[in-house]
C-alpha cells in the first residue's frame, strides 16, 4: 500500500467500525429502559444486545471472507460499510426492543472490522503488513477509548440517537472516500497460474494453525474476563481517591491509551519475523500484570499495571492475524482471516462465562486470577508450538 490516502481511509473505516460498537457499551442498560418496558429485565436484554454483534460476526465472518476472495475485497468493503451505516440508523430509530436487537445483529453480520483487516492484509506489501495491522490495532484502541466517553456524554446531554446518526453520516463519507481512493486487485487474476482448490482444509487442521487460533481465543477470553470483573475488583478496594465507577473508567482509559500507543511497535516486530515471540511475551505480560494487580497496595501501582497490560494487549490480535494471513496464498486470505476472526470472537465468550462460574465462589480476586490464567495459558500454548516442526506447504497453503 504505497498511497497514504488508502491507509488513512482504511484507518478511518476501522475507527468508525469499532466506535459504532463501543458507544453503547457503558450505557446500554439506560438506553434499553425505554424499549424494554420491564426495568427488572433490562440487564438481561442488555447482555443479549451486547452479545448480538459478536453472534452475527461469528456466523458471517467466514462467508464474507470467502466472498471477498471470490468477488474482490473492494465491493465487499462497500457492502459492509453500507450495512454498517444502515444498522446504526436502525438502532437510532428503533421503536421496539425487537427492532433494536435486530439492528444489533445486523451490525455484527456486516463484519466490517473483518473486511477492513482482510483488505489491509490483502493489499499490503509483505514487508509492511505488520506495521499496517499494528496501525489498525491503534485505531481500534482509539475507538475503544473515545467511544464509551462520548457515548456517556451524548446519553446525558444530547441523546444517543444524535451520536448514532452522526456516526452513520461519517460512515457514508468514509464510503464515498473509499470509492474514490481504494482500488481492488483481484486475487484470482493475480494467481491464475496457481491452484485454488480445497487445500484450505489442510491448512486449518495443521497443529500450527490450530495452536495460533486457540492461543488467540484464550487471549480474547482473558481480555473480556478482565473487562467483566475489573469493576467488581475495584469496588472491593478501599481508600480510593474517586468513586469506584470513575476509578474504573480512568483505569480502563489508561489501558486503552497504552494499547493505542503500542500498536505500531508490535507491528514492526511482526515485520521483523518476531510475531510468535511477541505474542508469547505480551500474553505472559498481560497475565503477569493482572496477577500483580491482586497485590497492588496503591491506586498508582494499579494504574501502572494497567498501562503495562494495555501495552501488551496491543500485540495479541494483530500477531494472530499477521501469522494466519501469511500461512495461505492471496486467493484464500479472506476465508482464512474470516475463520480466524470467528474463532477469536467466539473466544470472547470464554472469559465472561469463566468469571460467572468463579465469582460466586472466589469473588473478584478469583475472577481476576482466571483472567490472568487465560492469558498465561495462551502464552504457554505457543511456547509448546515452538518445539514442533512443520512440513513445507504447497502454494495453495503457503506458510
Protein backbone atom coordinates (compact mmCIF):
# COMPACT_ATOMS: atom_id res chain seq x y z
CA UNK A 1 0.00 0.00 0.00
CA UNK A 2 2.08 2.86 -1.30
CA UNK A 3 -0.54 5.61 -1.24
CA UNK A 4 -1.10 7.29 2.15
CA UNK A 5 -4.71 8.12 1.25
CA UNK A 6 -5.53 4.40 1.08
CA UNK A 7 -4.09 3.83 4.54
CA UNK A 8 -5.93 6.80 6.05
CA UNK A 9 -9.27 5.68 4.58
CA UNK A 10 -8.85 2.19 5.99
CA UNK A 11 -7.84 3.56 9.39
CA UNK A 12 -10.87 5.86 9.46
CA UNK A 13 -13.15 2.99 8.50
CA UNK A 14 -11.65 0.81 11.24
CA UNK A 15 -12.10 3.57 13.80
CA UNK A 16 -15.75 4.07 12.83
CA UNK A 17 -16.42 0.33 12.84
CA UNK A 18 -15.19 -0.03 16.41
CA UNK A 19 -16.61 3.29 17.57
CA UNK A 20 -20.10 2.35 16.41
CA UNK A 21 -19.97 -0.80 18.55
CA UNK A 22 -18.40 0.82 21.61
CA UNK A 23 -20.58 3.93 22.07
CA UNK A 24 -23.40 1.96 23.67
CA UNK A 25 -21.26 -0.32 25.86
CA UNK A 26 -21.36 1.70 29.11
CA UNK A 27 -24.94 2.98 28.78
CA UNK A 28 -26.75 0.00 27.24
CA UNK A 29 -29.00 -0.64 30.30
CA UNK A 30 -30.04 3.02 30.39
CA UNK A 31 -30.71 3.11 26.66
CA UNK A 32 -32.84 -0.03 26.76
CA UNK A 33 -35.01 1.07 29.68
CA UNK A 34 -37.36 2.94 27.36
CA UNK A 35 -37.57 -0.03 24.96
CA UNK A 36 -37.75 -2.98 27.35
CA UNK A 37 -40.59 -1.60 29.45
CA UNK A 38 -39.81 -4.01 32.29
CA UNK A 39 -36.97 -2.48 34.32
CA UNK A 40 -36.24 -5.81 36.00
CA UNK A 41 -35.46 -7.39 32.63
CA UNK A 42 -33.26 -4.55 31.41
CA UNK A 43 -29.96 -6.18 32.43
CA UNK A 44 -30.89 -9.43 30.70
CA UNK A 45 -31.79 -7.66 27.47
CA UNK A 46 -28.66 -5.51 27.77
CA UNK A 47 -26.48 -8.63 27.90
CA UNK A 48 -28.26 -10.01 24.84
CA UNK A 49 -27.86 -6.71 22.98
CA UNK A 50 -24.16 -6.55 23.83
CA UNK A 51 -23.63 -10.13 22.62
CA UNK A 52 -25.66 -9.75 19.40
CA UNK A 53 -22.88 -8.23 17.24
CA UNK A 54 -20.48 -10.97 18.35
CA UNK A 55 -23.01 -13.65 17.39
CA UNK A 56 -23.56 -12.06 14.00
CA UNK A 57 -19.81 -11.76 13.46
CA UNK A 58 -19.15 -15.41 14.32
CA UNK A 59 -21.72 -16.55 11.77
CA UNK A 60 -20.87 -14.19 8.92
CA UNK A 61 -17.06 -13.85 9.04
CA UNK A 62 -16.08 -16.99 7.07
CA UNK A 63 -18.73 -16.28 4.43
CA UNK A 64 -17.65 -12.65 4.00
CA UNK A 65 -14.03 -13.73 3.72
CA UNK A 66 -14.89 -16.29 1.06
CA UNK A 67 -16.94 -13.74 -0.89
CA UNK A 68 -14.04 -11.27 -0.73
CA UNK A 69 -11.71 -13.90 -2.20
CA UNK A 70 -14.19 -14.64 -4.97
CA UNK A 71 -15.67 -11.21 -5.83
CA UNK A 72 -12.88 -8.88 -4.70
CA UNK A 73 -12.32 -7.01 -1.45
CA UNK A 74 -13.46 -3.59 -2.62
CA UNK A 75 -17.14 -4.46 -3.31
CA UNK A 76 -17.38 -6.47 -0.08
CA UNK A 77 -15.96 -3.50 1.85
CA UNK A 78 -18.60 -1.24 0.28
CA UNK A 79 -21.29 -3.76 1.20
CA UNK A 80 -20.02 -3.92 4.79
CA UNK A 81 -19.85 -0.14 5.14
CA UNK A 82 -23.34 0.27 3.73
CA UNK A 83 -24.78 -2.39 6.03
CA UNK A 84 -22.99 -0.85 9.00
CA UNK A 85 -24.48 2.56 8.23
CA UNK A 86 -27.98 1.05 7.91
CA UNK A 87 -27.61 -0.81 11.22
CA UNK A 88 -26.66 2.41 13.04
CA UNK A 89 -29.70 4.19 11.62
CA UNK A 90 -31.96 1.28 12.54
CA UNK A 91 -30.66 1.39 16.13
CA UNK A 92 -31.25 5.12 16.25
CA UNK A 93 -34.86 4.88 15.02
CA UNK A 94 -35.79 1.58 16.70
CA UNK A 95 -39.11 1.90 18.49
CA UNK A 96 -39.22 -1.58 19.99
CA UNK A 97 -36.77 -3.89 21.66
CA UNK A 98 -37.07 -6.43 18.84
CA UNK A 99 -36.14 -3.81 16.23
CA UNK A 100 -33.13 -2.72 18.28
CA UNK A 101 -31.87 -6.28 18.73
CA UNK A 102 -32.30 -6.96 15.01
CA UNK A 103 -30.22 -3.85 14.24
CA UNK A 104 -27.50 -5.02 16.67
CA UNK A 105 -27.47 -8.44 14.99
CA UNK A 106 -27.13 -6.77 11.57
CA UNK A 107 -24.23 -4.75 12.98
CA UNK A 108 -22.37 -7.99 13.59
CA UNK A 109 -23.38 -9.64 10.32
CA UNK A 110 -21.83 -6.75 8.39
CA UNK A 111 -18.39 -7.88 9.61
CA UNK A 112 -16.89 -4.53 8.78
CA UNK A 113 -13.80 -4.91 11.00
CA UNK A 114 -13.07 -8.29 9.47
CA UNK A 115 -13.40 -6.94 5.93
CA UNK A 116 -11.11 -3.99 6.68
CA UNK A 117 -8.50 -6.27 8.24
CA UNK A 118 -8.65 -8.72 5.34
CA UNK A 119 -8.46 -5.87 2.80
CA UNK A 120 -5.38 -4.45 4.56
CA UNK A 121 -3.63 -7.83 4.71
CA UNK A 122 -4.53 -8.47 1.06
CA UNK A 123 -3.23 -5.17 -0.29
CA UNK A 124 -0.21 -4.60 1.98
CA UNK A 125 3.34 -5.09 0.85
CA UNK A 126 4.79 -8.18 2.60
CA UNK A 127 7.50 -6.12 4.29
CA UNK A 128 4.98 -3.65 5.77
CA UNK A 129 1.97 -5.82 6.58
CA UNK A 130 2.76 -5.99 10.29
CA UNK A 131 3.10 -2.22 10.54
CA UNK A 132 -0.28 -1.65 8.88
CA UNK A 133 -2.03 -4.22 11.06
CA UNK A 134 -0.45 -2.51 14.06
CA UNK A 135 -1.90 0.82 12.96
CA UNK A 136 -5.32 -0.82 12.61
CA UNK A 137 -4.94 -2.04 16.19
CA UNK A 138 -4.20 1.54 17.28
CA UNK A 139 -7.36 2.72 15.50
CA UNK A 140 -9.35 0.07 17.40
CA UNK A 141 -7.82 1.20 20.70
CA UNK A 142 -8.60 4.86 19.99
CA UNK A 143 -12.25 3.94 19.30
CA UNK A 144 -12.42 1.83 22.47
CA UNK A 145 -11.10 4.82 24.40
CA UNK A 146 -13.27 7.54 22.86
CA UNK A 147 -16.46 5.57 22.16
CA UNK A 148 -17.58 4.98 25.76
CA UNK A 149 -16.59 8.51 26.78
CA UNK A 150 -18.62 10.18 24.02
CA UNK A 151 -21.43 7.66 24.44
CA UNK A 152 -21.90 8.61 28.07
CA UNK A 153 -21.68 12.32 27.28
CA UNK A 154 -24.27 12.20 24.49
CA UNK A 155 -26.55 9.99 26.55
CA UNK A 156 -26.64 12.63 29.29
CA UNK A 157 -26.84 15.78 27.14
CA UNK A 158 -27.97 15.36 23.56
CA UNK A 159 -29.30 11.82 23.28
CA UNK A 160 -27.68 8.68 21.96
CA UNK A 161 -29.71 8.90 18.75
CA UNK A 162 -27.74 12.02 17.73
CA UNK A 163 -24.41 10.23 18.14
CA UNK A 164 -25.60 7.16 16.22
CA UNK A 165 -26.84 9.36 13.36
CA UNK A 166 -23.57 11.32 13.32
CA UNK A 167 -21.59 8.08 13.18
CA UNK A 168 -23.79 6.86 10.31
CA UNK A 169 -23.19 10.12 8.43
CA UNK A 170 -19.44 9.84 8.93
CA UNK A 171 -19.61 6.25 7.68
CA UNK A 172 -21.32 7.47 4.50
CA UNK A 173 -18.49 9.96 4.00
CA UNK A 174 -15.97 7.17 4.56
CA UNK A 175 -17.81 5.06 1.98
CA UNK A 176 -17.50 7.84 -0.62
CA UNK A 177 -13.80 8.28 0.25
CA UNK A 178 -13.27 4.54 -0.11
CA UNK A 179 -14.93 4.55 -3.52
CA UNK A 180 -12.58 7.33 -4.67
CA UNK A 181 -9.33 6.08 -3.10
CA UNK A 182 -9.39 2.30 -2.88
CA UNK A 183 -8.58 0.10 -5.82
CA UNK A 184 -9.06 -3.65 -5.79
CA UNK A 185 -6.69 -6.16 -7.32
CA UNK A 186 -8.48 -9.43 -7.75
CA UNK A 187 -6.72 -12.26 -6.02
CA UNK A 188 -7.99 -14.58 -8.75
CA UNK A 189 -6.45 -12.53 -11.54
CA UNK A 190 -3.13 -12.27 -9.74
CA UNK A 191 -2.92 -16.02 -9.15
CA UNK A 192 -4.49 -17.62 -12.22
CA UNK A 193 -1.47 -19.88 -12.58
CA UNK A 194 -1.73 -21.17 -9.01
CA UNK A 195 -4.09 -23.91 -7.81
CA UNK A 196 -7.10 -22.59 -5.94
CA UNK A 197 -8.82 -25.67 -4.50
CA UNK A 198 -9.88 -27.20 -1.38
CA UNK A 199 -6.49 -27.45 0.30
CA UNK A 200 -7.56 -24.74 2.75
CA UNK A 201 -8.87 -27.51 5.00
CA UNK A 202 -5.38 -28.93 5.12
CA UNK A 203 -4.12 -25.58 6.34
CA UNK A 204 -6.80 -25.31 9.03
CA UNK A 205 -6.17 -28.73 10.57
CA UNK A 206 -2.41 -28.25 10.99
CA UNK A 207 -1.25 -28.01 14.58
CA UNK A 208 0.49 -24.70 13.86
CA UNK A 209 -2.75 -23.11 12.71
CA UNK A 210 -4.88 -24.61 15.48
CA UNK A 211 -2.39 -23.58 18.18
CA UNK A 212 -2.37 -19.97 16.97
CA UNK A 213 -6.15 -19.81 16.80
CA UNK A 214 -6.53 -21.43 20.23
CA UNK A 215 -3.96 -19.06 21.73
CA UNK A 216 -5.78 -16.09 20.24
CA UNK A 217 -9.12 -17.32 21.58
CA UNK A 218 -7.66 -17.79 25.08
CA UNK A 219 -6.18 -14.29 25.00
CA UNK A 220 -9.52 -12.83 23.91
CA UNK A 221 -11.15 -14.73 26.75
CA UNK A 222 -8.65 -13.25 29.20
CA UNK A 223 -9.28 -9.72 27.93
CA UNK A 224 -13.06 -9.99 28.20
CA UNK A 225 -12.82 -11.69 31.59
CA UNK A 226 -10.85 -8.66 32.79
CA UNK A 227 -13.48 -6.27 31.44
CA UNK A 228 -16.18 -8.27 33.22
CA UNK A 229 -14.57 -8.46 36.64
CA UNK A 230 -12.30 -5.42 36.91
CA UNK A 231 -15.04 -3.04 38.03
CA UNK A 232 -16.07 -5.54 40.71
CA UNK A 233 -12.46 -5.81 41.88
CA UNK A 234 -12.03 -2.02 42.07
CA UNK A 235 -15.28 -1.68 44.03
CA UNK A 236 -13.89 -4.05 46.67
CA UNK A 237 -10.77 -1.94 47.19
CA UNK A 238 -10.61 0.64 49.95
CA UNK A 239 -9.10 4.14 50.18
CA UNK A 240 -9.95 5.17 46.63
CA UNK A 241 -9.46 8.81 45.65
CA UNK A 242 -12.57 8.72 43.42
CA UNK A 243 -15.83 6.74 43.35
CA UNK A 244 -15.40 3.16 42.07
CA UNK A 245 -17.11 3.83 38.72
CA UNK A 246 -14.92 6.86 38.00
CA UNK A 247 -11.78 5.00 39.08
CA UNK A 248 -12.64 2.05 36.86
CA UNK A 249 -13.28 4.31 33.87
CA UNK A 250 -9.98 6.15 34.30
CA UNK A 251 -8.01 2.92 34.64
CA UNK A 252 -9.68 1.44 31.57
CA UNK A 253 -8.87 4.62 29.66
CA UNK A 254 -5.21 4.38 30.68
CA UNK A 255 -5.02 0.80 29.43
CA UNK A 256 -6.57 1.68 26.06
CA UNK A 257 -4.26 4.70 25.73
CA UNK A 258 -1.29 2.37 26.14
CA UNK A 259 -2.80 -0.01 23.56
CA UNK A 260 -3.21 2.89 21.13
CA UNK A 261 0.43 3.92 21.50
CA UNK A 262 1.83 0.39 21.29
CA UNK A 263 0.08 -0.86 18.14
CA UNK A 264 2.76 0.21 15.65
CA UNK A 265 5.59 -1.02 17.89
CA UNK A 266 4.27 -4.59 17.89
CA UNK A 267 3.51 -4.35 14.16
CA UNK A 268 7.15 -3.52 13.41
CA UNK A 269 8.24 -6.54 15.44
CA UNK A 270 5.92 -8.73 13.36
CA UNK A 271 7.52 -7.42 10.16
CA UNK A 272 10.90 -8.48 11.57
CA UNK A 273 9.66 -12.05 11.95
CA UNK A 274 9.07 -11.87 15.71
CA UNK A 275 5.31 -12.43 15.79
CA UNK A 276 5.42 -15.63 17.85
CA UNK A 277 7.92 -14.27 20.38
CA UNK A 278 5.92 -11.05 20.63
CA UNK A 279 2.70 -12.94 21.33
CA UNK A 280 4.33 -15.17 23.95
CA UNK A 281 5.95 -12.22 25.72
CA UNK A 282 2.88 -9.95 25.50
CA UNK A 283 0.36 -12.57 26.61
CA UNK A 284 2.58 -13.51 29.55
CA UNK A 285 2.95 -9.80 30.29
CA UNK A 286 -0.83 -9.36 30.41
CA UNK A 287 -1.21 -12.34 32.73
CA UNK A 288 1.64 -11.25 34.99
CA UNK A 289 0.34 -7.68 35.22
CA UNK A 290 -3.14 -8.88 36.19
CA UNK A 291 -1.75 -11.20 38.86
CA UNK A 292 0.36 -8.33 40.22
CA UNK A 293 -2.81 -6.21 40.48
CA UNK A 294 -4.04 -8.58 43.17
CA UNK A 295 -1.15 -7.44 45.35
CA UNK A 296 -1.13 -3.75 44.40
CA UNK A 297 -1.31 -1.65 47.58
CA UNK A 298 -1.90 1.73 45.93
CA UNK A 299 -4.00 3.19 43.15
CA UNK A 300 -0.88 4.47 41.39
CA UNK A 301 0.60 0.98 41.22
CA UNK A 302 -2.71 -0.34 39.90
CA UNK A 303 -2.67 2.35 37.21
CA UNK A 304 0.91 1.46 36.27
CA UNK A 305 -0.01 -2.21 35.93
CA UNK A 306 -3.00 -1.35 33.73
CA UNK A 307 -0.63 0.61 31.47
CA UNK A 308 1.60 -2.45 31.16
CA UNK A 309 -1.38 -4.69 30.50
CA UNK A 310 -2.73 -2.31 27.82
CA UNK A 311 0.70 -2.06 26.17
CA UNK A 312 0.97 -5.85 25.97
CA UNK A 313 -2.63 -6.31 24.83
CA UNK A 314 -1.87 -4.40 21.62
CA UNK A 315 0.34 -7.25 20.39
CA UNK A 316 -2.06 -10.16 20.57
CA UNK A 317 -4.82 -9.94 17.95
CA UNK A 318 -2.62 -8.40 15.28
CA UNK A 319 0.01 -11.14 15.73
CA UNK A 320 -2.62 -13.84 15.17
CA UNK A 321 -3.99 -12.15 12.05
CA UNK A 322 -0.47 -11.50 10.73
CA UNK A 323 0.57 -15.14 11.06
CA UNK A 324 -2.72 -16.53 9.73
CA UNK A 325 -2.67 -14.25 6.68
CA UNK A 326 0.87 -15.36 5.87
CA UNK A 327 0.00 -19.06 6.01
CA UNK A 328 -2.19 -19.05 2.88
CA UNK A 329 -1.86 -17.56 -0.57
CA UNK A 330 -3.61 -14.35 -1.58
CA UNK A 331 -6.51 -16.23 -3.13
CA UNK A 332 -7.51 -17.68 0.25
CA UNK A 333 -6.64 -14.88 2.67
CA UNK A 334 -10.19 -13.62 3.08
CA UNK A 335 -11.56 -17.01 4.08
CA UNK A 336 -8.59 -17.71 6.38
CA UNK A 337 -8.86 -14.37 8.16
CA UNK A 338 -12.65 -14.75 8.36
CA UNK A 339 -12.25 -18.15 10.02
CA UNK A 340 -9.69 -16.74 12.43
CA UNK A 341 -11.96 -13.81 13.24
CA UNK A 342 -14.87 -16.14 14.06
CA UNK A 343 -12.72 -18.14 16.45
CA UNK A 344 -11.32 -15.00 18.11
CA UNK A 345 -14.81 -13.58 18.61
CA UNK A 346 -16.02 -16.92 19.94
CA UNK A 347 -13.12 -16.78 22.39
CA UNK A 348 -14.58 -13.60 23.81
CA UNK A 349 -17.38 -15.71 25.30
CA UNK A 350 -14.90 -17.79 27.32
CA UNK A 351 -13.93 -15.02 29.70
CA UNK A 352 -17.36 -13.83 30.88
CA UNK A 353 -18.56 -17.43 31.28
CA UNK A 354 -15.49 -18.31 33.35
CA UNK A 355 -15.99 -15.23 35.52
CA UNK A 356 -19.65 -16.12 36.04
CA UNK A 357 -18.62 -19.59 37.22
CA UNK A 358 -15.81 -18.48 39.53
CA UNK A 359 -17.15 -15.26 41.05
CA UNK A 360 -19.75 -16.82 43.40
CA UNK A 361 -17.00 -18.95 44.97
CA UNK A 362 -13.92 -16.74 44.97
CA UNK A 363 -15.25 -13.21 44.45
CA UNK A 364 -13.49 -10.65 42.26
CA UNK A 365 -9.95 -11.75 43.18
CA UNK A 366 -10.64 -15.24 41.90
CA UNK A 367 -12.14 -13.85 38.71
CA UNK A 368 -9.03 -11.71 38.18
CA UNK A 369 -6.88 -14.81 38.63
CA UNK A 370 -8.97 -16.57 35.95
CA UNK A 371 -8.34 -13.67 33.56
CA UNK A 372 -4.59 -13.90 34.22
CA UNK A 373 -4.71 -17.68 33.79
CA UNK A 374 -6.26 -17.42 30.34
CA UNK A 375 -3.50 -15.07 29.18
CA UNK A 376 -0.79 -17.29 30.64
CA UNK A 377 -2.37 -20.38 29.04
CA UNK A 378 -2.26 -18.64 25.65
CA UNK A 379 1.43 -17.87 26.13
CA UNK A 380 2.25 -21.43 27.21
CA UNK A 381 0.38 -22.87 24.22
CA UNK A 382 2.61 -21.00 21.77
CA UNK A 383 5.71 -21.91 23.75
CA UNK A 384 4.89 -25.58 23.12
CA UNK A 385 4.30 -24.65 19.48
CA UNK A 386 7.97 -23.69 19.18
CA UNK A 387 9.03 -27.29 19.73
CA UNK A 388 7.06 -28.72 16.79
CA UNK A 389 8.35 -28.92 13.24
CA UNK A 390 6.14 -28.42 10.20
CA UNK A 391 6.34 -29.61 6.65
CA UNK A 392 6.51 -27.06 3.89
CA UNK A 393 3.10 -26.47 2.31
CA UNK A 394 2.21 -26.22 -1.33
CA UNK A 395 1.43 -22.89 -2.95
CA UNK A 396 -2.22 -23.30 -2.08
CA UNK A 397 -1.42 -23.41 1.62
CA UNK A 398 1.71 -21.35 1.62
CA UNK A 399 3.28 -20.76 5.04
